[in-house]
Structure formats: C-alpha cells, structure tokens
C-alpha cells in the first residue's frame, strides 16, 4: 500500500486534506502520512510535496487547537528528519530544531550538510537572528577545526551571518571577534589558502561596521582591544598589493570603520606615517576592483586631514599615479563613486604641496578639470547622485593651484587658462553648491594676493618736454598719436597700474566684486566666512570696504576715502 500510495497522487491529496475544516479528515490525513513516512523510500517525496512541511510544522506548533493532530504531525516530522533534504525544508519553514540538533550532534558528514544549508538559509533575513542565537557558539568551535572543509564552511556561514548587523552583538558575545583576529594574526596551517584570512577579515569588517564599541571589544587573552596599537599596526601591515583584492578590501573596510573613533584614528595616522605603509594604500587606488579602489581612496581622504603632505608625496612618488588620477577624471562619461572619490582626494590634499601641484600641471590636469566643470554646468551629469561631490572636487582641485602661484610653472598655467574668470563665474552660484562658492572665493583670494605684484605700472610722462623744431613736430605727429593712445590705457583705481583678468588677476577687471558681495547673503556660514576673509586680506592690497555688518554693496579704493 505504501508503495502504491507513493506512485499515485495520494500524497498530494493527503497533504491537501491536512487543511480540511473537518477534524475527522485532518486526523485521517495525518495518520496516513505517519504511516507513509515510515517508508524510507517515501521520505523525500513527502517532504518535497508543496506545503507538506509547512502545514505539519504549523499543526505541531498549534498543539492547543488540536492536540491529537499536533502529536501525530510531530511524529511525521521526526520520521522526515531521516532525509537531510527535509531538514532543509523544515528550516525554510521556520522549524529549525532538527537543523540545530544535527549540526551539534551529527557526524562530520551531517554537520557539513547542515552548514551548507545554513549558508543558503542566512540569505533570508527573517531567520538570520534565530540562526545566530542558536548556532554561533557551535560555528565558532568549527572555525577552530583543523579539518579544512569544516573550517571553510563555518567561515562562510559566519561571513553571511555577520553581514546582517543585528547579529553582531550575539557574535561578539560568542567570541567571534577573538576567533577572527586569531585567524588573521596567529593561525597558520600549511597550504591554507589566503582566502580563509580574507573571509575572516570580511566577517570582522561586517561586525565592526555594525556599530559595536571597539574600545571594549577584546581580541585576545592578553586583553588587547580592537582599537589598540597591536591591532591597528597588524591591520595596516597586512595591506599589500600582491594579496587577493577581497582581502585588501576587507582590511580597508575595517580600518575605515575604526577611523570613526578618535583613538584608532590617531594610532592609524602614526602607523602610516612611521612605517611608510601609505604606499600600499596609494597603489591600491589603481586596483581594477572598483570597490577596493573606492575604499582605498576614501581611507586616504580620511587620513589626508592629518598626514596630507605625507600622502601627497607618496602619491607623487608612486609611478604613474598622478597621471592615472587625471586620466580617470577625464574619462568620466558617467559620474561614478570612483570618479567622485578620486577628485575629492585631489581637492582635500594640502593645497600648498608644490610637488603634487606641479605633477598635476605636467599631467595636463587643468584642461581636464575645466572641461569637467563645463560639462557639469551644462549637461545631464548633474543628475548623478555623485554630481555634487564630483563638482566640488573639480573646483577644489582647480583652486589648489592658486595656493602655489610663487612657482612660475603654476603661475603660467593659471594665466594661460584665465582661472580668475573661471572662478568669478563659479562664484555667481551657477553650479548651485555653497561649497563651490566658498572654494571659488578662496581661489579668488589667493589670486588677489598676486595682483599688486603683477599689475604693470603705467608709463610716466615727462613733466618738462624738450623743445622741438617745427620739422620734428611734423615728422613725429603720427608717432605721437600712437603714443597718446598707449598712454590712455586705463589705470586700475585699486592697484594703481595697468591690470587685466588674465595677467594680474584683478578682481575689478574680472567683475568679481558683485559676486563676492553677494556671498554675504549666502545661507552657508563657510561661504560668508570665506568672503569676510577676502575682505580682510584685501585691505593689504589696496581695497577698503564701506559699511558695517552687513556691509553695503560698494567698494572704494584706498586713497579715495583717505584723501590721497
């Protein structure tokens, strides 16, 4: 009868009757399934029948509604456990006890199968927390196993579990951080692939990114915590260009997460500065793996506020790196996070670093930056989620050159591309970002320092002209006419010389005065601050401003108001 029942549609019909509203039909159906489940040949067929395990587990849980059906459904499920696939079906239906018991008590082959099921199940968020609470201790013990297959499988599961941030607290309490650090720093097995360490680093990065307190998270028996120099030093030293990209990515993710805390950030800055580890991070910016390139660039951006000159020098000493950065910006047909991060790094590194500025000029960065700004002002690229960051990076990278105008090469490049006019246009706010306005004001301030030096003194007229004969006067009439035209060149009322936007960066000639005054009405305090700094500096180069705060929209050259 069991064999015949398995060959027909009897199993499917019986499962359907489990949901009958008639109690007698339900009891008959579950009794038949109990009898059929005693056959080893029918176990998989019963378990794979649509809805069978879900209905049986529901009947088992709701024992108060129908105790008889609950008892028999529990017996059916117990029989179905003899088929490993049914254990997976039960776990997917929310009935996890069979999986736990087989994982803990089963032989190695069964444990491996259960871990495999776990790897699939943790993709479903609704069961992740339950799995972590029940199995984290067992999995951590399996990670310490010398069996490579068990070791790898347990690591895979822990990586997936740790990616769900609510699990982090349970994993930390179970000792997952200690085991992952041990895997990274201590554990060494012959022929063990580097990918095992990469998995451990990924799990650790997931846990730290979840928001745990690294200052209190112990990583070994000696009492070191995640923020100790012991950990930071070892993490930084692991970064190498010849190890797998996913390993480097996880380590950088881990370091990035730790930079949110003051203590590990200070230690990281010290380690990178003293041990020349910045070279590896700079080189990883060129990785073909986009996620790794972005992560390395973001880490450098974070560190640039503390060791910017060190990073800039190492970037210049890394063969081809400045050129690759410029090239990546020039190929930004569609703005990605990688483009935005690259140009942001250039804008954040110290503006007065002449080595980097010269390298950018030599690599043709200025035309690329100007082209990018022009495209951003007139194309659909502004709709990109990274458009604002990208635009601010372009302008910041351009403004950095104005901080080293004492260098003839940089000065010529700035003149050749009329940066005063470009920054004046950006100051008008066409790009829409307050930060762009602030940067433009800073750039104009830097340019204005040079105006008094670059402004050409007007030709002086001889107060006592020599007497000339009539013949000489007739012969030199045309020449005198031309000289008169030259002498009529307008004299800048500010710098008392012949000025232009291109050659002397005169803000009056560039029409930047109204834009600078307009910045005082900006909603951004940083824009207003940049404008006031410019006003203060301008007083040393020939300007004075009328009015109190807020000032009126007027300017007066020094001398006009002092009676000179």
Foldseek 3Di string as FASTA:
>chain_A
DLVVCQVDCNLLVLLVQCPPPDPVSNLVSLVVLLVSLVDPVCLVVNLPRPPNLLSLVVLLVPCVVPVSSNVSSVSSLVSSLVDVVSQLSNVVSVNNVSLLCCCVPNPPVSVLSSLVSLLVVLVDVVCLQVCLQRCLLVLLVQCPDPPLSSVVSSLSNLLSSLLPLVSLVSNLVSPLQLSLVCVQPPDDDPPRDPVSNLSSLSSNLSSLLSPDDQVCRARDPVRDTCLDLVNLLSLLVVQAPPHDLSSNLSSLSNLVSVCVDDRSVVSNLVNCVPVVSLLSLLVQLPDPPQSSVLSSLVVLLSSLVPPLLSNLVSCLVPPCNLLVLLVVLLPCPADDSSVLSSLQSLLRRQLQNVSNLVSCVVSVNVVSLVVSLVCLLPHPNCPDPSSVSNNLSSLSNVLSLLNHCVDVSSVVVCLVVLVLLVLLVQLLCSSVDLSSNLSSLSSLLSLQVQQLVQFAAQDDDDPDDDDDDPVVCVVCVVVVVVVVVSNPQDADLFNRGRDASRRRVDCVNSVNLVSLLVQCVDPDPSSNVSSVVSQVSSVVRFWHFDDDVVGDSDTDGPCVVVVD
